[in-house]
C-alpha cells in the first residue's frame, strides 16, 4: 500500500512561485509512475504533469511554467510552479501507479494553492 503526503501549498500573488513536494512510502519508488493533478472549485480533477522512467509530460496549460522532478533517493516528487496565474488556483494532488501497467492509482490528501490577482 502506497501512502503519499503533499506539502508546499499556500497563498501567492500572480507571477509568483511555489514548489510542491510529495513524499511516498513505497520501497520500489524508482519504478513508480508519479504525477500531479489539480481540482479547482466547481471543476473536475485535471492532469498537470507526470514523470516515469525516462519520460516527462505536461498539460498544455502549464508547459513552460511548471517543472516536475523526482529524487528517488528521497522517495519524493516535486512540482516547481513559476509565473503563477489566478487560474492555477486549485487543490493539487500527488498521484502514483506502481507501474505503467498497474490499474490502481494512489492519491495524496491534497494541498491548497491559491493565486491572487
Protein backbone atom coordinates (compact mmCIF):
# COMPACT_ATOMS: atom_id res chain seq x y z
CA UNK A 1 0.00 0.00 0.00
CA UNK A 2 1.44 3.33 -1.11
CA UNK A 3 0.95 6.43 1.03
CA UNK A 4 1.51 9.92 -0.37
CA UNK A 5 1.83 13.21 1.51
CA UNK A 6 1.88 16.59 -0.27
CA UNK A 7 3.25 19.84 1.11
CA UNK A 8 4.25 23.30 -0.05
CA UNK A 9 0.91 24.85 -0.95
CA UNK A 10 -0.05 28.35 0.07
CA UNK A 11 -1.20 31.80 -0.99
CA UNK A 12 0.83 33.73 -3.57
CA UNK A 13 0.32 36.71 -5.84
CA UNK A 14 0.05 36.34 -9.60
CA UNK A 15 3.50 35.98 -11.12
CA UNK A 16 4.91 34.33 -8.02
CA UNK A 17 6.30 30.84 -7.47
CA UNK A 18 5.71 27.81 -5.29
CA UNK A 19 7.33 24.40 -5.03
CA UNK A 20 5.16 21.44 -4.10
CA UNK A 21 6.61 18.27 -2.62
CA UNK A 22 5.23 14.75 -2.41
CA UNK A 23 6.75 12.06 -0.20
CA UNK A 24 5.92 8.42 -0.95
CA UNK A 25 6.13 5.40 1.34
CA UNK A 26 6.84 2.64 -1.19
CA UNK A 27 10.07 0.65 -1.40
CA UNK A 28 10.06 0.50 -5.20
CA UNK A 29 9.70 4.23 -5.76
CA UNK A 30 12.12 4.40 -8.67
CA UNK A 31 9.71 2.34 -10.78
CA UNK A 32 6.58 4.32 -9.86
CA UNK A 33 4.72 6.46 -12.35
CA UNK A 34 4.33 9.73 -10.47
CA UNK A 35 2.05 12.60 -11.35
CA UNK A 36 0.36 15.79 -10.25
CA UNK A 37 -3.33 16.58 -10.71
CA UNK A 38 -5.38 19.57 -9.62
CA UNK A 39 -9.01 20.36 -8.96
CA UNK A 40 -10.47 23.86 -8.90
CA UNK A 41 -13.81 24.68 -7.23
CA UNK A 42 -16.71 23.51 -9.38
CA UNK A 43 -14.46 21.72 -11.86
CA UNK A 44 -13.32 18.16 -12.43
CA UNK A 45 -9.87 16.99 -11.47
CA UNK A 46 -7.39 17.54 -14.29
CA UNK A 47 -3.95 16.26 -15.18
CA UNK A 48 -0.98 18.59 -14.65
CA UNK A 49 2.27 16.63 -15.11
CA UNK A 50 3.79 13.16 -14.84
CA UNK A 51 7.24 11.59 -14.67
CA UNK A 52 8.29 7.97 -15.06
CA UNK A 53 11.22 6.04 -16.48
CA UNK A 54 12.77 8.42 -18.99
CA UNK A 55 9.58 10.31 -19.77
CA UNK A 56 8.01 13.59 -18.65
CA UNK A 57 4.71 15.01 -19.85
CA UNK A 58 2.84 18.23 -19.09
CA UNK A 59 -0.61 19.59 -19.67
CA UNK A 60 -0.60 22.33 -22.30
CA UNK A 61 -1.85 24.84 -19.74
CA UNK A 62 1.34 24.59 -17.66
CA UNK A 63 4.05 23.98 -20.27
CA UNK A 64 6.90 26.45 -19.90
CA UNK A 65 5.83 27.43 -16.38
CA UNK A 66 5.82 24.22 -14.31
CA UNK A 67 8.60 21.66 -13.89
CA UNK A 68 8.16 18.18 -12.46
CA UNK A 69 11.15 16.35 -11.00
CA UNK A 70 11.93 13.46 -8.66
CA UNK A 71 14.58 12.38 -6.20
CA UNK A 72 14.49 8.60 -5.96
CA UNK A 73 16.89 8.59 -3.01
CA UNK A 74 14.30 10.60 -1.04
CA UNK A 75 11.19 8.87 -2.42
CA UNK A 76 9.97 12.32 -3.42
CA UNK A 77 8.44 14.11 -6.38
CA UNK A 78 8.34 17.88 -6.82
CA UNK A 79 6.40 20.42 -8.83
CA UNK A 80 8.10 23.77 -9.33
CA UNK A 81 5.45 26.30 -10.31
CA UNK A 82 6.56 29.64 -11.75
CA UNK A 83 4.66 32.56 -13.27
CA UNK A 84 1.55 31.51 -11.40
CA UNK A 85 -1.83 32.73 -12.61
CA UNK A 86 -5.17 33.02 -10.80
CA UNK A 87 -6.47 30.15 -12.94
CA UNK A 88 -3.85 27.90 -11.32
CA UNK A 89 -5.81 28.14 -8.06
CA UNK A 90 -6.79 24.60 -7.05
CA UNK A 91 -6.16 21.75 -4.69
CA UNK A 92 -3.10 19.93 -6.02
CA UNK A 93 -2.90 16.16 -5.60
CA UNK A 94 0.07 13.85 -5.85
CA UNK A 95 -0.67 10.54 -7.55
CA UNK A 96 1.12 7.34 -8.41
CA UNK A 97 0.81 3.98 -10.09
CA UNK A 98 3.34 1.33 -9.14
CA UNK A 99 3.88 0.53 -12.83
CA UNK A 100 2.67 1.71 -16.22
CA UNK A 101 0.56 -1.45 -16.41
CA UNK A 102 -0.93 -1.09 -12.90
CA UNK A 103 -4.68 -0.48 -12.75
CA UNK A 104 -4.89 1.12 -9.30
CA UNK A 105 -3.97 4.74 -8.68
CA UNK A 106 -2.98 6.09 -5.26
CA UNK A 107 -3.69 9.66 -4.12
CA UNK A 108 -2.37 12.05 -1.52
CA UNK A 109 -4.66 14.23 0.59
CA UNK A 110 -4.02 17.35 -1.47
CA UNK A 111 -2.52 20.76 -0.80
CA UNK A 112 -4.24 24.09 -1.49
CA UNK A 113 -2.66 26.56 -3.92
CA UNK A 114 -4.29 29.98 -4.12
CA UNK A 115 -3.08 32.63 -6.57
CA UNK A 116 -4.41 36.13 -6.03
CA UNK A 117 -4.65 38.83 -8.69
